[in-house]
Amino acid sequence: MVERLDRGWRICATGICFACFGVGGLALRVLVFPLLSLLLRPSPVCQRACKNLIHHVFRLFVWLMASVGVIRYEVRHAERLQRSGLLIVANHPSLIDVVLLISQVRRADCVVKAALMRNPFTRGPVRATGYVCNDAGPGMVDACIASLRAGNNLVIFPEGTRTDPCGLPRLQRGAANIAVRGGFALTPVTIRCTPPTLTKGEKWYRVPVRRPCFVLHVHEDVPVEHWVAPDTEPMQAVRDVTRALAEFFIQEVRREGA
């Protein structure tokens, strides 16, 4: 009986949290970001302020989810994210991974789906922060490199979408391309959620029997040279880094028991 009541409350609380997220995104687009764009010029200054605002808003949202009992979470080695110019790469088991990560990272830049530019709840934040859309073609890598060199922290999910719960992660080459062409080390983050929730294709109200616990493990930086032999051609280096990163995620997630 107690478990049924707890699960019923978590379904209601999840709906409340997502409603708050949608209303908050709309308020940022309609009220806050236009005001910031008027007060803060030039554009890079405004984008930096908007990035930090999103960071604090996401911290508040994560606090809300934890406070009402929707999730529990733990961040291991969070101090490794308190730097600038990081190329942060993470696996993607859940819908709220990006919220959890950006809540821990200041001046976070992202590669986002082009569909978010058409969504009325997310279009405002994406434009105001200057996030990079994944439909920019070859210019996407250049934009990401420029963002990192400007001191932003770039958060990328190399899979491009949530991990299929029934399969292994399949990585795209964007993150490796940025690392190889820009000469950046990668900062891997493994995300584990037990029991799984908000996975690919799962409805938000399908909450698990127990309250899910998210564990974000921030690993030490991995230089490209660690995964690439000397004098390797750039295209081959990108393939080598992509393959090594996929193996790294599979090994680490399995080792942590996910």
C-alpha atoms as a PDB file:
ATOM      1  CA  MET A   1       0.000   0.000   0.000  1.00  0.00           C
ATOM      2  CA  VAL A   2       2.787   2.395   0.940  1.00  0.00           C
ATOM      3  CA  GLU A   3       4.618   1.645  -2.322  1.00  0.00           C
ATOM      4  CA  ARG A   4       1.458   2.312  -4.349  1.00  0.00           C
ATOM      5  CA  LEU A   5       0.917   5.647  -2.602  1.00  0.00           C
ATOM      6  CA  ASP A   6       4.562   6.591  -3.118  1.00  0.00           C
ATOM      7  CA  ARG A   7       4.423   5.725  -6.796  1.00  0.00           C
ATOM      8  CA  GLY A   8       1.155   7.609  -7.229  1.00  0.00           C
ATOM      9  CA  TRP A   9       2.684  10.687  -5.650  1.00  0.00           C
ATOM     10  CA  ARG A  10       5.770  10.456  -7.874  1.00  0.00           C
ATOM     11  CA  ILE A  11       3.560  10.315 -10.989  1.00  0.00           C
ATOM     12  CA  CYS A  12       1.790  13.499  -9.869  1.00  0.00           C
ATOM     13  CA  ALA A  13       5.046  15.159  -8.818  1.00  0.00           C
ATOM     14  CA  THR A  14       6.673  14.302 -12.158  1.00  0.00           C
ATOM     15  CA  GLY A  15       3.781  15.926 -13.992  1.00  0.00           C
ATOM     16  CA  ILE A  16       4.076  19.026 -11.791  1.00  0.00           C
ATOM     17  CA  CYS A  17       7.826  19.235 -12.431  1.00  0.00           C
ATOM     18  CA  PHE A  18       7.440  18.973 -16.207  1.00  0.00           C
ATOM     19  CA  ALA A  19       4.669  21.571 -16.133  1.00  0.00           C
ATOM     20  CA  CYS A  20       6.959  23.921 -14.192  1.00  0.00           C
ATOM     21  CA  PHE A  21       9.717  23.269 -16.722  1.00  0.00           C
ATOM     22  CA  GLY A  22       7.452  24.160 -19.644  1.00  0.00           C
ATOM     23  CA  VAL A  23       6.027  27.280 -18.012  1.00  0.00           C
ATOM     24  CA  GLY A  24       9.501  28.369 -16.925  1.00  0.00           C
ATOM     25  CA  GLY A  25      10.892  27.938 -20.442  1.00  0.00           C
ATOM     26  CA  LEU A  26       8.057  30.020 -21.863  1.00  0.00           C
ATOM     27  CA  ALA A  27       8.567  32.744 -19.242  1.00  0.00           C
ATOM     28  CA  LEU A  28      12.282  32.908 -20.019  1.00  0.00           C
ATOM     29  CA  ARG A  29      11.535  33.282 -23.720  1.00  0.00           C
ATOM     30  CA  VAL A  30       8.809  35.904 -23.360  1.00  0.00           C
ATOM     31  CA  LEU A  31      10.041  37.974 -20.415  1.00  0.00           C
ATOM     32  CA  VAL A  32      13.561  37.338 -19.193  1.00  0.00           C
ATOM     33  CA  PHE A  33      15.683  36.862 -22.302  1.00  0.00           C
ATOM     34  CA  PRO A  34      14.232  39.865 -24.196  1.00  0.00           C
ATOM     35  CA  LEU A  35      14.971  42.033 -21.154  1.00  0.00           C
ATOM     36  CA  LEU A  36      18.531  40.747 -20.916  1.00  0.00           C
ATOM     37  CA  SER A  37      19.078  41.375 -24.627  1.00  0.00           C
ATOM     38  CA  LEU A  38      18.098  45.018 -24.092  1.00  0.00           C
ATOM     39  CA  LEU A  39      20.231  45.513 -20.986  1.00  0.00           C
ATOM     40  CA  LEU A  40      23.313  43.548 -21.993  1.00  0.00           C
ATOM     41  CA  ARG A  41      25.070  44.364 -25.222  1.00  0.00           C
ATOM     42  CA  PRO A  42      26.994  43.269 -27.253  1.00  0.00           C
ATOM     43  CA  SER A  43      25.574  39.823 -28.019  1.00  0.00           C
ATOM     44  CA  PRO A  44      28.439  37.720 -26.512  1.00  0.00           C
ATOM     45  CA  VAL A  45      27.906  39.414 -23.151  1.00  0.00           C
ATOM     46  CA  CYS A  46      24.198  38.640 -23.273  1.00  0.00           C
ATOM     47  CA  GLN A  47      24.813  35.037 -24.335  1.00  0.00           C
ATOM     48  CA  ARG A  48      27.218  34.519 -21.443  1.00  0.00           C
ATOM     49  CA  ALA A  49      24.647  35.877 -18.982  1.00  0.00           C
ATOM     50  CA  CYS A  50      21.937  33.668 -20.488  1.00  0.00           C
ATOM     51  CA  LYS A  51      24.151  30.580 -20.240  1.00  0.00           C
ATOM     52  CA  ASN A  52      24.732  31.250 -16.546  1.00  0.00           C
ATOM     53  CA  LEU A  53      21.026  31.907 -16.028  1.00  0.00           C
ATOM     54  CA  ILE A  54      20.162  28.529 -17.573  1.00  0.00           C
ATOM     55  CA  HIS A  55      22.737  26.935 -15.245  1.00  0.00           C
ATOM     56  CA  HIS A  56      21.000  28.390 -12.181  1.00  0.00           C
ATOM     57  CA  VAL A  57      17.498  27.622 -13.483  1.00  0.00           C
ATOM     58  CA  PHE A  58      18.496  23.991 -14.080  1.00  0.00           C
ATOM     59  CA  ARG A  59      19.999  23.807 -10.571  1.00  0.00           C
ATOM     60  CA  LEU A  60      16.652  24.996  -9.229  1.00  0.00           C
ATOM     61  CA  PHE A  61      14.777  22.439 -11.334  1.00  0.00           C
ATOM     62  CA  VAL A  62      17.013  19.575 -10.156  1.00  0.00           C
ATOM     63  CA  TRP A  63      16.497  20.743  -6.563  1.00  0.00           C
ATOM     64  CA  LEU A  64      12.729  20.731  -7.166  1.00  0.00           C
ATOM     65  CA  MET A  65      12.751  17.183  -8.561  1.00  0.00           C
ATOM     66  CA  ALA A  66      14.811  15.938  -5.631  1.00  0.00           C
ATOM     67  CA  SER A  67      12.773  17.847  -3.030  1.00  0.00           C
ATOM     68  CA  VAL A  68       9.406  16.458  -4.140  1.00  0.00           C
ATOM     69  CA  GLY A  69      10.774  12.919  -4.345  1.00  0.00           C
ATOM     70  CA  VAL A  70      10.911  12.412  -8.123  1.00  0.00           C
ATOM     71  CA  ILE A  71      14.651  11.576  -8.175  1.00  0.00           C
ATOM     72  CA  ARG A  72      17.764  11.267  -6.079  1.00  0.00           C
ATOM     73  CA  TYR A  73      21.145  12.200  -7.493  1.00  0.00           C
ATOM     74  CA  GLU A  74      24.858  12.153  -6.746  1.00  0.00           C
ATOM     75  CA  VAL A  75      27.731  13.847  -8.566  1.00  0.00           C
ATOM     76  CA  ARG A  76      31.174  12.288  -8.144  1.00  0.00           C
ATOM     77  CA  HIS A  77      34.224  14.507  -8.665  1.00  0.00           C
ATOM     78  CA  ALA A  78      32.080  17.542  -9.406  1.00  0.00           C
ATOM     79  CA  GLU A  79      35.139  19.750  -8.895  1.00  0.00           C
ATOM     80  CA  ARG A  80      36.453  18.577 -12.268  1.00  0.00           C
ATOM     81  CA  LEU A  81      33.618  20.514 -13.915  1.00  0.00           C
ATOM     82  CA  GLN A  82      34.564  23.777 -12.206  1.00  0.00           C
ATOM     83  CA  ARG A  83      36.929  24.832 -14.976  1.00  0.00           C
ATOM     84  CA  SER A  84      36.584  26.558 -18.328  1.00  0.00           C
ATOM     85  CA  GLY A  85      37.070  25.391 -21.906  1.00  0.00           C
ATOM     86  CA  LEU A  86      36.017  21.799 -21.207  1.00  0.00           C
ATOM     87  CA  LEU A  87      34.823  19.403 -23.918  1.00  0.00           C
ATOM     88  CA  ILE A  88      32.388  17.371 -21.809  1.00  0.00           C
ATOM     89  CA  VAL A  89      31.127  14.126 -23.370  1.00  0.00           C
ATOM     90  CA  ALA A  90      28.517  11.945 -21.697  1.00  0.00           C
ATOM     91  CA  ASN A  91      26.372   8.902 -22.289  1.00  0.00           C
ATOM     92  CA  HIS A  92      22.652   9.569 -22.532  1.00  0.00           C
ATOM     93  CA  PRO A  93      20.369   7.116 -20.686  1.00  0.00           C
ATOM     94  CA  SER A  94      17.610   9.558 -19.690  1.00  0.00           C
ATOM     95  CA  LEU A  95      15.591  12.560 -20.848  1.00  0.00           C
ATOM     96  CA  ILE A  96      16.905  14.803 -18.054  1.00  0.00           C
ATOM     97  CA  ASP A  97      20.642  14.119 -18.498  1.00  0.00           C
ATOM     98  CA  VAL A  98      21.290  17.533 -20.036  1.00  0.00           C
ATOM     99  CA  VAL A  99      19.485  19.255 -17.155  1.00  0.00           C
ATOM    100  CA  LEU A 100      21.545  17.366 -14.576  1.00  0.00           C
ATOM    101  CA  LEU A 101      24.814  18.140 -16.366  1.00  0.00           C
ATOM    102  CA  ILE A 102      24.234  21.825 -17.059  1.00  0.00           C
ATOM    103  CA  SER A 103      23.128  22.300 -13.451  1.00  0.00           C
ATOM    104  CA  GLN A 104      26.741  21.439 -12.565  1.00  0.00           C
ATOM    105  CA  VAL A 105      28.504  23.445 -15.308  1.00  0.00           C
ATOM    106  CA  ARG A 106      28.828  27.224 -15.626  1.00  0.00           C
ATOM    107  CA  ARG A 107      28.993  28.843 -19.074  1.00  0.00           C
ATOM    108  CA  ALA A 108      27.734  25.639 -20.631  1.00  0.00           C
ATOM    109  CA  ASP A 109      27.313  25.517 -24.378  1.00  0.00           C
ATOM    110  CA  CYS A 110      25.458  22.668 -26.093  1.00  0.00           C
ATOM    111  CA  VAL A 111      24.868  21.019 -29.427  1.00  0.00           C
ATOM    112  CA  VAL A 112      21.076  20.779 -29.629  1.00  0.00           C
ATOM    113  CA  LYS A 113      18.590  19.269 -32.038  1.00  0.00           C
ATOM    114  CA  ALA A 114      17.235  21.638 -34.673  1.00  0.00           C
ATOM    115  CA  ALA A 115      13.720  20.667 -33.525  1.00  0.00           C
ATOM    116  CA  LEU A 116      14.309  22.627 -30.308  1.00  0.00           C
ATOM    117  CA  MET A 117      14.435  25.812 -32.393  1.00  0.00           C
ATOM    118  CA  ARG A 118      10.832  25.120 -33.439  1.00  0.00           C
ATOM    119  CA  ASN A 119       9.553  24.252 -29.963  1.00  0.00           C
ATOM    120  CA  PRO A 120       7.868  27.290 -28.319  1.00  0.00           C
ATOM    121  CA  PHE A 121       9.106  26.243 -24.861  1.00  0.00           C
ATOM    122  CA  THR A 122      12.765  25.827 -25.857  1.00  0.00           C
ATOM    123  CA  ARG A 123      13.244  28.198 -28.809  1.00  0.00           C
ATOM    124  CA  GLY A 124      13.873  31.217 -26.577  1.00  0.00           C
ATOM    125  CA  PRO A 125      16.613  29.667 -24.422  1.00  0.00           C
ATOM    126  CA  VAL A 126      18.345  28.104 -27.460  1.00  0.00           C
ATOM    127  CA  ARG A 127      18.495  31.417 -29.311  1.00  0.00           C
ATOM    128  CA  ALA A 128      19.401  33.550 -26.294  1.00  0.00           C
ATOM    129  CA  THR A 129      22.261  31.317 -25.202  1.00  0.00           C
ATOM    130  CA  GLY A 130      23.667  30.840 -28.699  1.00  0.00           C
ATOM    131  CA  TYR A 131      23.577  27.043 -28.445  1.00  0.00           C
ATOM    132  CA  VAL A 132      24.848  25.261 -31.562  1.00  0.00           C
ATOM    133  CA  CYS A 133      22.216  23.477 -33.677  1.00  0.00           C
ATOM    134  CA  ASN A 134      23.137  20.072 -35.065  1.00  0.00           C
ATOM    135  CA  ASP A 135      21.865  20.962 -38.556  1.00  0.00           C
ATOM    136  CA  ALA A 136      24.656  23.484 -39.169  1.00  0.00           C
ATOM    137  CA  GLY A 137      26.648  20.980 -41.257  1.00  0.00           C
ATOM    138  CA  PRO A 138      30.444  21.395 -41.369  1.00  0.00           C
ATOM    139  CA  GLY A 139      30.070  24.779 -39.666  1.00  0.00           C
ATOM    140  CA  MET A 140      28.895  23.036 -36.496  1.00  0.00           C
ATOM    141  CA  VAL A 141      32.400  21.785 -35.675  1.00  0.00           C
ATOM    142  CA  ASP A 142      33.893  25.226 -36.294  1.00  0.00           C
ATOM    143  CA  ALA A 143      31.250  26.823 -34.046  1.00  0.00           C
ATOM    144  CA  CYS A 144      31.982  24.326 -31.276  1.00  0.00           C
ATOM    145  CA  ILE A 145      35.737  24.914 -31.492  1.00  0.00           C
ATOM    146  CA  ALA A 146      35.185  28.682 -31.362  1.00  0.00           C
ATOM    147  CA  SER A 147      32.948  28.292 -28.305  1.00  0.00           C
ATOM    148  CA  LEU A 148      35.580  26.263 -26.441  1.00  0.00           C
ATOM    149  CA  ARG A 149      38.343  28.720 -27.297  1.00  0.00           C
ATOM    150  CA  ALA A 150      36.134  31.518 -25.983  1.00  0.00           C
ATOM    151  CA  GLY A 151      36.147  29.819 -22.580  1.00  0.00           C
ATOM    152  CA  ASN A 152      32.750  28.117 -22.689  1.00  0.00           C
ATOM    153  CA  ASN A 153      32.249  24.515 -21.586  1.00  0.00           C
ATOM    154  CA  LEU A 154      30.781  22.410 -24.375  1.00  0.00           C
ATOM    155  CA  VAL A 155      28.411  19.605 -23.350  1.00  0.00           C
ATOM    156  CA  ILE A 156      27.929  16.898 -25.981  1.00  0.00           C
ATOM    157  CA  PHE A 157      26.087  13.586 -25.978  1.00  0.00           C
ATOM    158  CA  PRO A 158      27.970  11.773 -28.775  1.00  0.00           C
ATOM    159  CA  GLU A 159      25.087   9.358 -29.331  1.00  0.00           C
ATOM    160  CA  GLY A 160      22.959  12.283 -30.516  1.00  0.00           C
ATOM    161  CA  THR A 161      19.880  10.792 -28.836  1.00  0.00           C
ATOM    162  CA  ARG A 162      19.020   8.773 -25.777  1.00  0.00           C
ATOM    163  CA  THR A 163      20.571   5.322 -25.551  1.00  0.00           C
ATOM    164  CA  ASP A 164      18.341   2.476 -26.665  1.00  0.00           C
ATOM    165  CA  PRO A 165      17.709   0.525 -23.414  1.00  0.00           C
ATOM    166  CA  CYS A 166      17.972  -2.728 -25.375  1.00  0.00           C
ATOM    167  CA  GLY A 167      21.208  -1.918 -27.214  1.00  0.00           C
ATOM    168  CA  LEU A 168      24.725  -0.564 -26.933  1.00  0.00           C
ATOM    169  CA  PRO A 169      25.586   3.119 -27.418  1.00  0.00           C
ATOM    170  CA  ARG A 170      26.261   4.092 -31.038  1.00  0.00           C
ATOM    171  CA  LEU A 171      28.335   7.243 -31.175  1.00  0.00           C
ATOM    172  CA  GLN A 172      28.436   9.848 -33.894  1.00  0.00           C
ATOM    173  CA  ARG A 173      31.754  11.459 -34.796  1.00  0.00           C
ATOM    174  CA  GLY A 174      31.016  15.085 -33.902  1.00  0.00           C
ATOM    175  CA  ALA A 175      32.701  15.097 -30.493  1.00  0.00           C
ATOM    176  CA  ALA A 176      35.776  13.303 -31.813  1.00  0.00           C
ATOM    177  CA  ASN A 177      35.953  15.730 -34.731  1.00  0.00           C
ATOM    178  CA  ILE A 178      35.975  18.680 -32.352  1.00  0.00           C
ATOM    179  CA  ALA A 179      38.642  17.080 -30.163  1.00  0.00           C
ATOM    180  CA  VAL A 180      40.925  16.155 -33.063  1.00  0.00           C
ATOM    181  CA  ARG A 181      40.558  19.352 -35.091  1.00  0.00           C
ATOM    182  CA  GLY A 182      40.674  21.662 -32.068  1.00  0.00           C
ATOM    183  CA  GLY A 183      43.297  19.758 -30.086  1.00  0.00           C
ATOM    184  CA  PHE A 184      41.073  19.471 -26.998  1.00  0.00           C
ATOM    185  CA  ALA A 185      41.138  16.786 -24.333  1.00  0.00           C
ATOM    186  CA  LEU A 186      37.817  15.114 -23.557  1.00  0.00           C
ATOM    187  CA  THR A 187      36.200  15.182 -20.120  1.00  0.00           C
ATOM    188  CA  PRO A 188      34.031  12.024 -20.015  1.00  0.00           C
ATOM    189  CA  VAL A 189      31.001  11.828 -17.732  1.00  0.00           C
ATOM    190  CA  THR A 190      29.207   8.533 -17.207  1.00  0.00           C
ATOM    191  CA  ILE A 191      25.566   8.785 -16.158  1.00  0.00           C
ATOM    192  CA  ARG A 192      23.873   5.880 -14.426  1.00  0.00           C
ATOM    193  CA  CYS A 193      20.200   5.760 -13.485  1.00  0.00           C
ATOM    194  CA  THR A 194      18.883   2.994 -11.227  1.00  0.00           C
ATOM    195  CA  PRO A 195      16.175   1.934 -11.825  1.00  0.00           C
ATOM    196  CA  PRO A 196      15.958   3.313 -15.376  1.00  0.00           C
ATOM    197  CA  THR A 197      13.486   6.108 -16.045  1.00  0.00           C
ATOM    198  CA  LEU A 198      12.594   8.528 -18.854  1.00  0.00           C
ATOM    199  CA  THR A 199      14.442   6.304 -21.314  1.00  0.00           C
ATOM    200  CA  LYS A 200      14.053   6.492 -25.082  1.00  0.00           C
ATOM    201  CA  GLY A 201      10.431   5.993 -26.094  1.00  0.00           C
ATOM    202  CA  GLU A 202       9.190   5.858 -22.495  1.00  0.00           C
ATOM    203  CA  LYS A 203       6.252   8.009 -21.396  1.00  0.00           C
ATOM    204  CA  TRP A 204       6.906  10.439 -18.549  1.00  0.00           C
ATOM    205  CA  TYR A 205       4.192   8.904 -16.375  1.00  0.00           C
ATOM    206  CA  ARG A 206       5.753   5.422 -16.518  1.00  0.00           C
ATOM    207  CA  VAL A 207       7.631   5.978 -13.283  1.00  0.00           C
ATOM    208  CA  PRO A 208       9.563   3.024 -11.821  1.00  0.00           C
ATOM    209  CA  VAL A 209       8.470   1.224  -8.667  1.00  0.00           C
ATOM    210  CA  ARG A 210      11.351   2.783  -6.687  1.00  0.00           C
ATOM    211  CA  ARG A 211      12.551   6.374  -6.801  1.00  0.00           C
ATOM    212  CA  PRO A 212      15.354   6.481  -9.410  1.00  0.00           C
ATOM    213  CA  CYS A 213      18.851   7.508  -8.385  1.00  0.00           C
ATOM    214  CA  PHE A 214      21.117   9.291 -10.868  1.00  0.00           C
ATOM    215  CA  VAL A 215      24.879   9.018 -10.426  1.00  0.00           C
ATOM    216  CA  LEU A 216      27.068  11.331 -12.511  1.00  0.00           C
ATOM    217  CA  HIS A 217      30.726  10.280 -12.463  1.00  0.00           C
ATOM    218  CA  VAL A 218      33.097  12.915 -13.830  1.00  0.00           C
ATOM    219  CA  HIS A 219      36.281  11.208 -15.035  1.00  0.00           C
ATOM    220  CA  GLU A 220      39.720  12.671 -15.511  1.00  0.00           C
ATOM    221  CA  ASP A 221      40.470  14.404 -18.818  1.00  0.00           C
ATOM    222  CA  VAL A 222      41.541  12.131 -21.652  1.00  0.00           C
ATOM    223  CA  PRO A 223      43.907  13.715 -24.232  1.00  0.00           C
ATOM    224  CA  VAL A 224      43.323  12.727 -27.855  1.00  0.00           C
ATOM    225  CA  GLU A 225      46.865  11.318 -27.944  1.00  0.00           C
ATOM    226  CA  HIS A 226      45.805   8.715 -25.379  1.00  0.00           C
ATOM    227  CA  TRP A 227      43.574   7.062 -27.972  1.00  0.00           C
ATOM    228  CA  VAL A 228      45.377   7.912 -31.220  1.00  0.00           C
ATOM    229  CA  ALA A 229      48.715   6.620 -32.472  1.00  0.00           C
ATOM    230  CA  PRO A 230      51.330   9.225 -33.525  1.00  0.00           C
ATOM    231  CA  ASP A 231      51.178  10.498 -37.137  1.00  0.00           C
ATOM    232  CA  THR A 232      47.628   9.207 -37.634  1.00  0.00           C
ATOM    233  CA  GLU A 233      45.683  10.946 -40.391  1.00  0.00           C
ATOM    234  CA  PRO A 234      42.942  13.253 -39.031  1.00  0.00           C
ATOM    235  CA  MET A 235      40.008  11.257 -40.414  1.00  0.00           C
ATOM    236  CA  GLN A 236      41.398   8.032 -39.023  1.00  0.00           C
ATOM    237  CA  ALA A 237      42.087   9.769 -35.727  1.00  0.00           C
ATOM    238  CA  VAL A 238      38.421  10.798 -35.548  1.00  0.00           C
ATOM    239  CA  ARG A 239      37.345   7.191 -36.119  1.00  0.00           C
ATOM    240  CA  ASP A 240      39.816   5.933 -33.500  1.00  0.00           C
ATOM    241  CA  VAL A 241      38.644   8.432 -30.885  1.00  0.00           C
ATOM    242  CA  THR A 242      34.966   7.643 -31.580  1.00  0.00           C
ATOM    243  CA  ARG A 243      35.563   3.914 -31.233  1.00  0.00           C
ATOM    244  CA  ALA A 244      37.661   4.319 -28.072  1.00  0.00           C
ATOM    245  CA  LEU A 245      35.085   6.622 -26.482  1.00  0.00           C
ATOM    246  CA  ALA A 246      32.284   4.136 -27.181  1.00  0.00           C
ATOM    247  CA  GLU A 247      34.329   1.365 -25.573  1.00  0.00           C
ATOM    248  CA  PHE A 248      35.077   3.644 -22.620  1.00  0.00           C
ATOM    249  CA  PHE A 249      31.376   4.316 -21.987  1.00  0.00           C
ATOM    250  CA  ILE A 250      30.429   0.649 -22.322  1.00  0.00           C
ATOM    251  CA  GLN A 251      33.188  -0.422 -19.931  1.00  0.00           C
ATOM    252  CA  GLU A 252      32.560   2.276 -17.321  1.00  0.00           C
ATOM    253  CA  VAL A 253      28.776   1.956 -17.282  1.00  0.00           C
ATOM    254  CA  ARG A 254      29.029  -1.829 -16.942  1.00  0.00           C
ATOM    255  CA  ARG A 255      31.671  -1.478 -14.220  1.00  0.00           C
ATOM    256  CA  GLU A 256      29.405   0.826 -12.223  1.00  0.00           C
ATOM    257  CA  GLY A 257      26.616  -1.696 -12.460  1.00  0.00           C
ATOM    258  CA  ALA A 258      24.156   0.040 -14.798  1.00  0.00           C
END
